[in-house]
Amino acid sequence: MSDAPLQPDRQILMGHIREFGKRVKLSGTAEELESFKYLERQIASYGYRTKLLLHDAYISLPGSAAVEIGGNAVRCITHSMSVSTPGEGISAEVIYVAEGAEADLEGIDVEGHIILVDGIATEDVAALASARGAIGQIHVSPNEHLYEMCVSPVWGSPSQHTRKQLPRTAICTIAHDDGARLRQACRARKAPVARLTTEVDTGWRKTPILVAELFPENRPDAPFILFSGHHDTWHYGVMDNGGANATMLEAARLLAERRENWQRGLRICFWSGHSHGRYSGSAWYADEYWDELEQRCVAHVNVDSTGGAGADILTNSTVIDELKAVAARAVETVTGQVHRGRRHGRAADQSFWGVGIPSMFGSLSHQPPGPVKMLTALGWWWHTPHDTEEHIDPANLQRDTEIVLRVLGELLDARVLPLDYTAYAASLKDELSSLNGKLAGRLDIDKLISVADELHRRADAINEAARKGTANADAINDRLRQASRLLVPLNYTYGDRFHHDNALPHPAWPSLSGLRELAALPEGHADIAFFTVHGRQTRNRLLSVLRQACAVLALEGV
């Protein structure tokens, strides 16, 4: 069979788009399940073994909402995971808090009040407002559109330990011009009393996950690449996430034609609960299939919102350090653009960092920067009723799908997995070097820096062996898998591999937080000794994990 680049079929892609435009796919609804069955029929016809799973998930579907300012009704929506108010609503004086960040709330008593916030509703503002005793939030959209959002700071379905982190405020969004008038009144010290009424259907319900897989001939237990995207939507969600689902189906169809080249298998998962359960589907799957994922999954490619009209920026998609070169090769080959490899944020069904699975992408193509600050670069129609077929560019959808095909083709076909841990080691060395001077006289991290250098040398030897070709590729691949289980959590979690970190924004290398906190204290601070205790423990954990990774990546005995 020819090894020419695989070419997505634009007509097939757009046929899927038209199908996805037929239904609103709220998590756990009959309409969503019907659309999942379309996915299953299609991907089974390409030769994949399929299984439709149903599991319990904590889902929140916004219902009716009302905002009254001084007795006048204002157009609004409420949000997933907002609390529902009593039938008569809640009333309180409005306090303007800019963007609702911690610094914006400093010195302001919001207890018992409704806060007015510039910008789209987010989980971090909901968490701060709840902690400070606000009873309601009014968010001001950056334009005339009202953007649907899930505001839970809990990643996945809550446990008995995390449910207390759910929002305790009633949350609504109003349009830009209505917000501007309300903001002006607050600034003029004429803050009115607002009434908020929200109805949100929140609770446990069955939601689907479609799993489809194909493996090299006679190797059903081979390691595999996980390829995923969500299928639930806000409104019709033809771009988010119909575009990505079309990409997934077309990639599955074409890749199956090259199965004889595969060195490992492909498992494809379509999630529910992304939009209305804060990634409840992928989080459940990570927990339920933890052991199998740890033993066999070697990389995760996620796709979201491909094919958007005007989405001509291909340089900003996210990727873990060790897969940056794979993303860059694909993007530059297809588009000529130089991929910069932005660090992952805390989003996009990236539920597998605790397992230790290297990951890439989420949203792939983006809009050029605009004059209005948005939460996303996916188009003004994102998360609104306007996310329909008219905002899909068939050429962009074909282009994005070709990039995904090249990435998956390399991950499936490469004799040695293209995981470059020299990039990881260099990134870690930069972080440690930036802290070293600030920690001088407080905590010695020279050994950490030395072991990061050793990790770089071991990874470079693996890369050289891969370039030369080796009869021991399977053994090297297993070493890379074992190393990822140690190193990915160090880069993207606070340290607990078995419980998901929250959904709030995280710093880079969160496992280094104990060192950063110590380094940030001013000279002579009374608490330096306390912070040093935790900093020392942080250093020791990092040192232990890095030494284990160096031992795993040693080529001796391979």
Protein backbone atom coordinates (compact mmCIF):
# COMPACT_ATOMS: atom_id res chain seq x y z
CA MET A 1 0.00 0.00 0.00
CA SER A 2 1.20 3.55 -0.79
CA ASP A 3 2.91 5.58 1.93
CA ALA A 4 1.79 8.87 0.35
CA PRO A 5 0.29 11.35 2.86
CA LEU A 6 -3.29 10.55 3.76
CA GLN A 7 -5.75 13.06 2.31
CA PRO A 8 -9.00 13.78 4.18
CA ASP A 9 -12.12 13.81 2.03
CA ARG A 10 -13.83 17.20 2.33
CA GLN A 11 -17.23 15.87 1.31
CA ILE A 12 -17.14 13.11 3.91
CA LEU A 13 -16.09 15.61 6.59
CA MET A 14 -18.93 17.97 5.74
CA GLY A 15 -21.40 15.08 5.67
CA HIS A 16 -20.55 14.44 9.32
CA ILE A 17 -20.91 18.15 10.06
CA ARG A 18 -24.44 18.19 8.67
CA GLU A 19 -25.33 15.20 10.82
CA PHE A 20 -23.97 16.86 13.96
CA GLY A 21 -26.07 19.95 13.21
CA LYS A 22 -29.30 17.99 13.64
CA ARG A 23 -29.31 17.67 17.44
CA VAL A 24 -28.63 19.60 20.62
CA LYS A 25 -26.43 17.18 22.58
CA LEU A 26 -26.70 17.96 26.29
CA SER A 27 -24.91 15.42 28.47
CA GLY A 28 -27.04 12.45 29.43
CA THR A 29 -29.98 13.27 27.16
CA ALA A 30 -31.74 11.05 24.62
CA GLU A 31 -30.68 13.34 21.77
CA GLU A 32 -27.03 13.01 22.75
CA LEU A 33 -27.29 9.21 22.92
CA GLU A 34 -28.86 9.11 19.46
CA SER A 35 -25.91 11.08 18.11
CA PHE A 36 -23.50 8.70 19.86
CA LYS A 37 -25.15 5.85 17.98
CA TYR A 38 -24.36 7.62 14.70
CA LEU A 39 -20.71 7.78 15.75
CA GLU A 40 -20.76 4.08 16.60
CA ARG A 41 -22.27 3.06 13.25
CA GLN A 42 -19.75 5.11 11.33
CA ILE A 43 -16.61 3.99 13.11
CA ALA A 44 -17.68 0.33 13.20
CA SER A 45 -18.00 0.46 9.41
CA TYR A 46 -14.25 1.28 9.24
CA GLY A 47 -13.38 -1.99 10.96
CA TYR A 48 -13.04 -0.81 14.57
CA ARG A 49 -14.34 -2.82 17.50
CA THR A 50 -16.76 -0.59 19.42
CA LYS A 51 -18.26 -0.48 22.87
CA LEU A 52 -20.79 2.05 24.16
CA LEU A 53 -20.34 2.53 27.91
CA LEU A 54 -22.87 4.16 30.24
CA HIS A 55 -21.72 5.46 33.62
CA ASP A 56 -22.95 7.69 36.43
CA ALA A 57 -21.81 11.31 36.16
CA TYR A 58 -22.65 14.48 38.07
CA ILE A 59 -24.21 16.65 35.37
CA SER A 60 -25.59 20.19 35.56
CA LEU A 61 -27.94 21.54 32.87
CA PRO A 62 -28.85 25.25 33.08
CA GLY A 63 -32.53 26.12 32.87
CA SER A 64 -34.40 29.39 33.13
CA ALA A 65 -32.88 32.53 34.62
CA ALA A 66 -33.90 36.09 35.34
CA VAL A 67 -31.99 39.21 36.35
CA GLU A 68 -33.83 42.31 37.52
CA ILE A 69 -32.01 45.58 38.13
CA GLY A 70 -34.08 48.17 39.94
CA GLY A 71 -37.19 46.27 38.90
CA ASN A 72 -36.23 46.13 35.21
CA ALA A 73 -35.63 42.77 33.51
CA VAL A 74 -32.24 42.25 31.83
CA ARG A 75 -31.53 39.56 29.23
CA CYS A 76 -29.45 36.79 30.84
CA ILE A 77 -28.54 33.13 31.14
CA THR A 78 -27.46 31.02 34.10
CA HIS A 79 -24.68 28.43 34.11
CA SER A 80 -23.85 24.79 34.64
CA MET A 81 -23.07 24.18 38.35
CA SER A 82 -24.62 27.47 39.49
CA VAL A 83 -26.90 26.99 42.47
CA SER A 84 -30.64 27.20 41.92
CA THR A 85 -32.39 29.97 43.81
CA PRO A 86 -35.71 29.75 45.62
CA GLY A 87 -38.64 30.52 43.36
CA GLU A 88 -38.71 34.16 44.44
CA GLY A 89 -35.01 34.53 43.66
CA ILE A 90 -32.36 36.25 45.74
CA SER A 91 -31.95 40.00 46.20
CA ALA A 92 -28.94 42.01 47.31
CA GLU A 93 -26.94 45.12 46.59
CA VAL A 94 -24.51 44.82 43.68
CA ILE A 95 -20.76 45.33 44.25
CA TYR A 96 -18.44 45.79 41.26
CA VAL A 97 -15.24 43.70 41.53
CA ALA A 98 -13.57 44.20 38.11
CA GLU A 99 -12.53 40.73 36.85
CA GLY A 100 -13.14 39.06 40.21
CA ALA A 101 -9.54 37.97 40.74
CA GLU A 102 -8.12 37.63 44.24
CA ALA A 103 -6.40 41.01 43.94
CA ASP A 104 -9.67 42.61 42.78
CA LEU A 105 -11.48 41.29 45.86
CA GLU A 106 -8.79 42.40 48.30
CA GLY A 107 -10.28 44.66 50.96
CA ILE A 108 -13.86 44.34 49.64
CA ASP A 109 -16.51 42.75 51.84
CA VAL A 110 -18.76 40.85 49.42
CA GLU A 111 -20.49 38.66 51.99
CA GLY A 112 -24.23 38.63 51.41
CA HIS A 113 -23.88 40.66 48.21
CA ILE A 114 -24.16 40.04 44.47
CA ILE A 115 -20.88 40.78 42.71
CA LEU A 116 -20.61 42.30 39.24
CA VAL A 117 -17.72 40.79 37.27
CA ASP A 118 -16.21 41.80 33.94
CA GLY A 119 -15.88 38.78 31.65
CA ILE A 120 -17.26 35.34 30.95
CA ALA A 121 -18.22 33.18 33.94
CA THR A 122 -15.35 31.01 35.17
CA GLU A 123 -14.70 28.42 37.87
CA ASP A 124 -11.97 30.45 39.57
CA VAL A 125 -14.24 33.46 40.12
CA ALA A 126 -17.01 31.14 41.34
CA ALA A 127 -14.60 29.58 43.84
CA LEU A 128 -13.42 32.95 45.17
CA ALA A 129 -16.94 34.38 45.37
CA SER A 130 -18.20 31.30 47.23
CA ALA A 131 -15.28 31.37 49.67
CA ARG A 132 -15.90 35.05 50.46
CA GLY A 133 -19.61 34.65 51.11
CA ALA A 134 -21.17 36.29 48.05
CA ILE A 135 -24.66 35.00 47.31
CA GLY A 136 -24.69 35.80 43.60
CA GLN A 137 -22.60 36.72 40.58
CA ILE A 138 -23.50 38.78 37.52
CA HIS A 139 -20.94 38.41 34.73
CA VAL A 140 -20.68 40.97 31.96
CA SER A 141 -20.13 39.46 28.51
CA PRO A 142 -17.42 41.04 26.33
CA ASN A 143 -20.07 41.56 23.63
CA GLU A 144 -23.79 41.11 23.02
CA HIS A 145 -23.62 37.30 23.16
CA LEU A 146 -24.21 35.26 26.32
CA TYR A 147 -21.63 32.48 26.67
CA GLU A 148 -22.59 29.15 28.21
CA MET A 149 -20.08 27.95 30.80
CA CYS A 150 -19.55 25.27 33.45
CA VAL A 151 -18.27 26.95 36.61
CA SER A 152 -17.35 23.98 38.79
CA PRO A 153 -13.80 24.04 40.18
CA VAL A 154 -14.04 20.25 40.74
CA TRP A 155 -12.40 18.17 38.00
CA GLY A 156 -14.86 15.45 36.99
CA SER A 157 -17.69 14.26 39.21
CA PRO A 158 -17.31 15.32 42.85
CA SER A 159 -16.54 12.87 45.65
CA GLN A 160 -17.62 13.24 49.26
CA HIS A 161 -14.34 15.10 49.76
CA THR A 162 -14.56 17.51 46.81
CA ARG A 163 -18.31 18.25 46.69
CA LYS A 164 -17.82 21.07 49.22
CA GLN A 165 -15.78 22.88 46.53
CA LEU A 166 -18.83 23.23 44.25
CA PRO A 167 -20.12 26.81 43.79
CA ARG A 168 -22.44 28.19 46.45
CA THR A 169 -23.58 31.23 44.47
CA ALA A 170 -26.30 31.91 41.92
CA ILE A 171 -24.52 32.87 38.70
CA CYS A 172 -25.82 34.71 35.63
CA THR A 173 -24.33 36.44 32.59
CA ILE A 174 -25.71 39.61 30.99
CA ALA A 175 -24.77 41.37 27.76
CA HIS A 176 -22.01 43.96 27.45
CA ASP A 177 -24.18 47.09 27.20
CA ASP A 178 -26.43 46.11 30.12
CA GLY A 179 -23.32 45.41 32.16
CA ALA A 180 -21.78 48.75 31.26
CA ARG A 181 -24.79 50.61 32.66
CA LEU A 182 -24.73 48.58 35.85
CA ARG A 183 -20.98 49.07 36.23
CA GLN A 184 -21.39 52.82 35.82
CA ALA A 185 -24.02 52.89 38.57
CA CYS A 186 -21.74 50.95 40.92
CA ARG A 187 -18.82 53.28 40.25
CA ALA A 188 -21.05 56.30 40.90
CA ARG A 189 -21.90 54.80 44.31
CA LYS A 190 -25.49 54.29 43.14
CA ALA A 191 -25.34 50.50 43.21
CA PRO A 192 -28.86 49.15 42.81
CA VAL A 193 -30.40 46.08 44.38
CA ALA A 194 -30.51 43.17 41.92
CA ARG A 195 -32.74 40.12 41.95
CA LEU A 196 -31.39 36.86 40.51
CA THR A 197 -33.53 33.82 39.79
CA THR A 198 -31.83 30.67 38.54
CA GLU A 199 -33.06 27.17 37.78
CA VAL A 200 -30.33 24.55 37.22
CA ASP A 201 -30.92 20.80 36.91
CA THR A 202 -27.93 19.28 38.70
CA GLY A 203 -27.51 15.66 39.77
CA TRP A 204 -26.36 12.18 38.86
CA ARG A 205 -27.36 10.75 35.50
CA LYS A 206 -26.19 8.11 33.07
CA THR A 207 -23.89 9.44 30.36
CA PRO A 208 -22.26 7.63 27.41
CA ILE A 209 -18.67 7.06 26.30
CA LEU A 210 -18.00 5.48 22.92
CA VAL A 211 -14.79 3.43 22.80
CA ALA A 212 -13.50 2.22 19.40
CA GLU A 213 -10.23 0.40 18.90
CA LEU A 214 -8.10 -1.21 16.24
CA PHE A 215 -4.79 -3.00 16.74
CA PRO A 216 -2.01 -4.39 14.58
CA GLU A 217 -2.79 -7.85 13.22
CA ASN A 218 -2.46 -10.55 15.90
CA ARG A 219 -1.45 -7.99 18.59
CA PRO A 220 -4.68 -7.18 20.50
CA ASP A 221 -2.74 -6.53 23.72
CA ALA A 222 -0.20 -4.13 22.18
CA PRO A 223 0.42 -0.67 23.67
CA PHE A 224 -1.91 1.96 22.22
CA ILE A 225 -2.38 5.64 21.42
CA LEU A 226 -5.47 7.26 22.97
CA PHE A 227 -7.28 9.62 20.55
CA SER A 228 -10.18 11.53 22.10
CA GLY A 229 -12.68 14.36 21.94
CA HIS A 230 -16.00 15.23 23.57
CA HIS A 231 -19.34 14.81 21.81
CA ASP A 232 -21.69 16.67 24.17
CA THR A 233 -22.39 20.26 23.15
CA TRP A 234 -23.79 23.62 24.08
CA HIS A 235 -26.71 24.10 21.67
CA TYR A 236 -25.91 22.42 18.31
CA GLY A 237 -22.18 22.78 18.82
CA VAL A 238 -21.30 22.22 15.19
CA MET A 239 -17.75 23.50 15.63
CA ASP A 240 -17.46 22.69 19.34
CA ASN A 241 -17.25 19.80 19.08
CA GLY A 242 -18.74 18.65 15.78
CA GLY A 243 -15.68 19.77 13.84
CA ALA A 244 -13.40 17.65 16.03
CA ASN A 245 -15.76 14.67 15.88
CA ALA A 246 -15.71 14.86 12.08
CA THR A 247 -11.92 14.99 12.24
CA MET A 248 -11.89 11.94 14.52
CA LEU A 249 -14.13 9.88 12.25
CA GLU A 250 -12.20 10.76 9.09
CA ALA A 251 -8.87 10.15 10.76
CA ALA A 252 -10.11 6.77 11.98
CA ARG A 253 -11.25 5.83 8.47
CA LEU A 254 -8.00 6.76 6.76
CA LEU A 255 -5.63 5.43 9.41
CA ALA A 256 -7.29 2.01 9.25
CA GLU A 257 -6.11 1.78 5.64
CA ARG A 258 -2.47 1.86 6.87
CA ARG A 259 -2.92 -0.60 9.70
CA GLU A 260 -0.12 -2.83 8.41
CA ASN A 261 2.36 -0.03 9.24
CA TRP A 262 1.26 0.30 12.86
CA GLN A 263 3.66 -0.52 15.67
CA ARG A 264 0.93 -0.07 18.27
CA GLY A 265 -2.86 0.19 18.50
CA LEU A 266 -5.33 3.05 18.35
CA ARG A 267 -8.08 3.54 20.92
CA ILE A 268 -10.60 6.29 20.19
CA CYS A 269 -12.87 7.71 22.90
CA PHE A 270 -15.79 10.09 22.45
CA TRP A 271 -16.67 11.68 25.81
CA SER A 272 -19.84 13.05 27.33
CA GLY A 273 -19.82 15.34 30.38
CA HIS A 274 -17.20 17.73 29.03
CA SER A 275 -19.49 20.74 28.86
CA HIS A 276 -21.93 19.99 31.67
CA GLY A 277 -19.85 17.89 34.07
CA ARG A 278 -16.37 19.47 34.01
CA TYR A 279 -14.77 16.59 32.06
CA SER A 280 -16.73 13.94 33.99
CA GLY A 281 -16.49 11.37 31.17
CA SER A 282 -12.72 11.41 30.69
CA ALA A 283 -12.14 11.65 34.46
CA TRP A 284 -14.32 8.59 35.06
CA TYR A 285 -12.55 6.69 32.29
CA ALA A 286 -9.14 7.53 33.74
CA ASP A 287 -10.26 6.24 37.15
CA GLU A 288 -12.14 3.16 35.94
CA TYR A 289 -9.47 1.99 33.48
CA TRP A 290 -6.46 3.23 35.45
CA ASP A 291 -4.51 -0.01 35.45
CA GLU A 292 -4.91 -0.70 31.75
CA LEU A 293 -4.03 2.87 30.85
CA GLU A 294 -0.94 2.78 33.05
CA GLN A 295 0.25 -0.50 31.54
CA ARG A 296 -0.55 0.12 27.87
CA CYS A 297 -1.36 3.73 26.88
CA VAL A 298 1.72 5.59 25.62
CA ALA A 299 0.32 8.93 24.38
CA HIS A 300 -2.93 10.91 24.28
CA VAL A 301 -4.05 13.13 21.38
CA ASN A 302 -7.13 15.25 22.12
CA VAL A 303 -8.99 17.33 19.55
CA ASP A 304 -11.47 20.15 20.01
CA SER A 305 -13.22 22.61 17.70
CA THR A 306 -11.43 21.97 14.39
CA GLY A 307 -12.38 23.69 11.15
CA GLY A 308 -13.58 27.05 12.42
CA ALA A 309 -14.05 29.83 9.87
CA GLY A 310 -11.16 32.28 10.16
CA ALA A 311 -9.15 29.94 12.40
CA ASP A 312 -5.87 30.50 10.59
CA ILE A 313 -3.45 30.49 13.54
CA LEU A 314 -1.84 27.04 13.94
CA THR A 315 1.04 28.01 16.23
CA ASN A 316 -0.66 28.09 19.64
CA SER A 317 -2.02 24.61 20.29
CA THR A 318 -0.89 22.98 23.48
CA VAL A 319 1.54 20.09 23.80
CA ILE A 320 3.62 18.48 26.52
CA ASP A 321 7.38 19.09 26.27
CA GLU A 322 8.34 15.62 25.10
CA LEU A 323 5.89 15.71 22.15
CA LYS A 324 6.63 19.25 20.94
CA ALA A 325 8.68 18.03 17.97
CA VAL A 326 5.86 15.76 16.78
CA ALA A 327 3.39 18.66 16.79
CA ALA A 328 5.86 21.02 15.12
CA ARG A 329 6.63 18.62 12.28
CA ALA A 330 2.96 18.10 11.48
CA VAL A 331 1.95 21.76 11.66
CA GLU A 332 4.89 23.00 9.59
CA THR A 333 4.50 20.29 6.93
CA VAL A 334 0.81 21.04 6.40
CA THR A 335 0.74 24.83 6.88
CA GLY A 336 4.30 26.18 6.83
CA GLN A 337 3.66 27.79 10.22
CA VAL A 338 6.19 27.32 13.03
CA HIS A 339 4.53 25.69 16.01
CA ARG A 340 5.64 27.19 19.33
CA GLY A 341 4.28 24.45 21.55
CA ARG A 342 2.25 26.30 24.20
CA ARG A 343 2.02 24.62 27.60
CA HIS A 344 -1.24 22.84 28.45
CA GLY A 345 -3.75 24.70 30.57
CA ARG A 346 -6.09 22.96 32.99
CA ALA A 347 -8.72 22.06 30.40
CA ALA A 348 -9.67 19.94 27.38
CA ASP A 349 -10.32 16.50 28.91
CA GLN A 350 -6.68 16.21 29.93
CA SER A 351 -7.63 13.76 32.68
CA PHE A 352 -4.66 11.44 32.22
CA TRP A 353 -1.65 13.35 33.59
CA GLY A 354 -1.90 11.54 36.91
CA VAL A 355 -1.65 8.22 35.07
CA GLY A 356 1.49 9.65 33.46
CA ILE A 357 0.39 9.76 29.81
CA PRO A 358 2.10 12.36 27.56
CA SER A 359 -0.54 14.46 25.81
CA MET A 360 -1.00 16.95 23.02
CA PHE A 361 -3.56 19.32 21.59
CA GLY A 362 -7.08 20.21 22.60
CA SER A 363 -8.11 23.09 20.36
CA LEU A 364 -5.81 23.09 17.33
CA SER A 365 -6.59 26.13 15.17
CA HIS A 366 -7.36 29.60 16.49
CA GLN A 367 -8.67 33.02 15.47
CA PRO A 368 -6.25 35.92 15.08
CA PRO A 369 -6.19 38.19 18.15
CA GLY A 370 -9.13 40.57 18.21
CA PRO A 371 -9.77 43.93 19.87
CA VAL A 372 -12.09 42.45 22.53
CA LYS A 373 -10.74 40.31 25.35
CA MET A 374 -12.30 36.84 25.22
CA LEU A 375 -11.80 33.68 27.21
CA THR A 376 -11.16 31.74 24.01
CA ALA A 377 -9.71 32.13 20.52
CA LEU A 378 -12.30 29.85 18.93
CA GLY A 379 -14.66 32.43 17.43
CA TRP A 380 -17.41 34.70 18.72
CA TRP A 381 -20.02 31.95 18.14
CA TRP A 382 -18.34 29.50 20.57
CA HIS A 383 -20.70 28.31 23.37
CA THR A 384 -23.66 30.17 21.85
CA PRO A 385 -26.70 29.15 19.74
CA HIS A 386 -24.77 30.49 16.71
CA ASP A 387 -22.33 27.55 16.66
CA THR A 388 -23.83 26.16 13.45
CA GLU A 389 -22.59 24.86 10.09
CA GLU A 390 -22.14 28.35 8.63
CA HIS A 391 -19.10 28.84 10.89
CA ILE A 392 -17.27 25.76 9.58
CA ASP A 393 -14.73 26.36 6.80
CA PRO A 394 -14.41 23.09 4.84
CA ALA A 395 -10.84 23.89 3.82
CA ASN A 396 -9.83 24.57 7.43
CA LEU A 397 -11.52 21.37 8.56
CA GLN A 398 -9.60 19.40 5.94
CA ARG A 399 -6.34 21.12 6.94
CA ASP A 400 -6.81 20.48 10.66
CA THR A 401 -7.69 16.85 10.00
CA GLU A 402 -4.53 16.44 7.92
CA ILE A 403 -2.43 17.74 10.82
CA VAL A 404 -4.07 15.27 13.20
CA LEU A 405 -3.50 12.46 10.69
CA ARG A 406 0.21 13.23 10.49
CA VAL A 407 0.55 13.31 14.27
CA LEU A 408 -1.28 10.03 14.74
CA GLY A 409 0.54 8.44 11.83
CA GLU A 410 3.91 9.20 13.43
CA LEU A 411 2.80 7.98 16.86
CA LEU A 412 1.39 4.77 15.42
CA ASP A 413 4.18 3.96 12.94
CA ALA A 414 7.40 5.01 14.69
CA ARG A 415 9.50 2.02 15.66
CA VAL A 416 10.67 3.91 18.77
CA LEU A 417 8.12 6.23 20.35
CA PRO A 418 8.93 9.88 19.49
CA LEU A 419 9.04 10.99 23.15
CA ASP A 420 11.92 13.42 23.52
CA TYR A 421 12.78 13.70 27.20
CA THR A 422 15.71 16.01 26.45
CA ALA A 423 13.08 18.72 25.89
CA TYR A 424 11.49 17.82 29.22
CA ALA A 425 14.85 17.90 31.02
CA ALA A 426 15.72 21.28 29.49
CA SER A 427 12.40 22.75 30.60
CA LEU A 428 12.87 21.42 34.13
CA LYS A 429 16.45 22.73 34.26
CA ASP A 430 15.20 26.21 33.32
CA GLU A 431 12.66 26.12 36.15
CA LEU A 432 15.19 24.95 38.71
CA SER A 433 17.85 27.42 37.59
CA SER A 434 15.41 30.31 37.96
CA LEU A 435 14.79 29.25 41.57
CA ASN A 436 18.36 28.45 42.55
CA GLY A 437 19.53 32.00 43.16
CA LYS A 438 16.40 32.87 45.17
CA LEU A 439 16.86 29.80 47.34
CA ALA A 440 20.55 30.51 48.08
CA GLY A 441 21.15 30.35 51.83
CA ARG A 442 17.72 28.78 52.39
CA LEU A 443 17.73 25.44 50.57
CA ASP A 444 20.35 23.66 48.47
CA ILE A 445 18.95 22.31 45.19
CA ASP A 446 22.27 21.65 43.43
CA LYS A 447 21.59 17.90 43.45
CA LEU A 448 18.25 18.49 41.75
CA ILE A 449 19.93 20.46 38.98
CA SER A 450 22.60 17.79 38.64
CA VAL A 451 20.00 15.02 38.29
CA ALA A 452 18.07 17.08 35.71
CA ASP A 453 21.33 17.20 33.71
CA GLU A 454 21.70 13.43 34.09
CA LEU A 455 18.12 12.97 32.85
CA HIS A 456 19.03 15.01 29.78
CA ARG A 457 22.03 12.78 29.07
CA ARG A 458 20.01 9.58 29.44
CA ALA A 459 17.25 10.92 27.19
CA ASP A 460 19.79 12.02 24.58
CA ALA A 461 21.22 8.49 24.48
CA ILE A 462 17.69 7.12 23.90
CA ASN A 463 17.19 9.59 21.05
CA GLU A 464 20.49 8.60 19.48
CA ALA A 465 19.59 4.92 19.67
CA ALA A 466 16.27 5.66 17.97
CA ARG A 467 18.01 7.62 15.18
CA LYS A 468 20.41 4.75 14.49
CA GLY A 469 17.70 2.13 14.53
CA THR A 470 17.70 -0.66 17.07
CA ALA A 471 16.59 -4.24 17.41
CA ASN A 472 15.64 -3.39 20.99
CA ALA A 473 12.88 -0.92 20.13
CA ASP A 474 10.21 -2.72 22.19
CA ALA A 475 12.41 -2.63 25.29
CA ILE A 476 13.22 1.06 24.77
CA ASN A 477 9.54 1.85 24.25
CA ASP A 478 8.69 0.18 27.54
CA ARG A 479 11.42 2.22 29.26
CA LEU A 480 9.89 5.38 27.81
CA ARG A 481 6.46 4.31 29.04
CA GLN A 482 7.81 3.70 32.55
CA ALA A 483 9.63 7.04 32.54
CA SER A 484 6.48 8.90 31.51
CA ARG A 485 4.63 7.50 34.54
CA LEU A 486 7.20 9.22 36.71
CA LEU A 487 7.82 12.40 34.75
CA VAL A 488 4.42 13.52 33.42
CA PRO A 489 2.87 13.83 36.92
CA LEU A 490 5.91 15.83 38.01
CA ASN A 491 5.27 18.32 35.22
CA TYR A 492 1.46 18.59 35.37
CA THR A 493 0.15 17.60 38.83
CA TYR A 494 0.70 18.61 42.42
CA GLY A 495 1.78 15.05 43.15
CA ASP A 496 -1.21 12.80 43.80
CA ARG A 497 -1.49 10.47 40.80
CA PHE A 498 -4.74 8.87 41.95
CA HIS A 499 -6.96 11.87 42.67
CA HIS A 500 -7.59 14.59 40.11
CA ASP A 501 -6.31 18.05 40.94
CA ASN A 502 -8.98 20.73 40.85
CA ALA A 503 -10.04 22.50 37.66
CA LEU A 504 -8.67 25.89 38.69
CA PRO A 505 -5.72 27.44 36.82
CA HIS A 506 -2.43 25.78 37.75
CA PRO A 507 1.11 27.12 37.61
CA ALA A 508 3.71 25.50 35.38
CA TRP A 509 5.34 22.55 37.11
CA PRO A 510 2.92 22.55 40.08
CA SER A 511 5.07 19.92 41.83
CA LEU A 512 7.67 22.68 42.35
CA SER A 513 5.24 24.83 44.34
CA GLY A 514 6.95 24.15 47.67
CA LEU A 515 10.23 25.49 46.28
CA ARG A 516 8.54 28.51 44.68
CA GLU A 517 6.72 29.44 47.88
CA LEU A 518 9.97 29.40 49.84
CA ALA A 519 11.82 31.37 47.15
CA ALA A 520 9.09 34.04 47.07
CA LEU A 521 9.40 35.01 50.74
CA PRO A 522 11.24 38.30 51.29
CA GLU A 523 14.50 38.25 53.21
CA GLY A 524 13.95 38.19 56.95
CA HIS A 525 10.34 36.96 56.74
CA ALA A 526 9.23 35.40 60.02
CA ASP A 527 7.90 32.24 58.34
CA ILE A 528 11.00 31.22 56.37
CA ALA A 529 11.73 28.32 58.72
CA PHE A 530 8.22 26.92 58.30
CA PHE A 531 8.37 27.18 54.50
CA THR A 532 11.80 25.56 54.51
CA VAL A 533 10.33 22.40 56.07
CA HIS A 534 7.93 21.97 53.16
CA GLY A 535 10.52 23.11 50.62
CA ARG A 536 12.94 20.43 51.81
CA GLN A 537 10.24 17.75 51.48
CA THR A 538 9.39 19.02 48.00
CA ARG A 539 13.04 18.82 46.97
CA ASN A 540 13.35 15.27 48.25
CA ARG A 541 10.30 14.06 46.35
CA LEU A 542 11.56 15.61 43.12
CA LEU A 543 15.01 14.14 43.62
CA SER A 544 13.62 10.66 44.25
CA VAL A 545 11.36 10.69 41.19
CA LEU A 546 14.09 12.05 38.89
CA ARG A 547 16.60 9.44 40.07
CA GLN A 548 14.04 6.71 39.36
CA ALA A 549 13.46 8.14 35.87
CA CYS A 550 17.20 8.22 35.18
CA ALA A 551 17.47 4.58 36.19
CA VAL A 552 14.57 3.62 33.94
CA LEU A 553 16.07 5.45 30.94
CA ALA A 554 19.48 3.79 31.27
CA LEU A 555 20.29 1.89 28.06
CA GLU A 556 22.42 -0.67 29.89
CA GLY A 557 20.74 -4.06 29.74
CA VAL A 558 18.42 -3.07 26.88
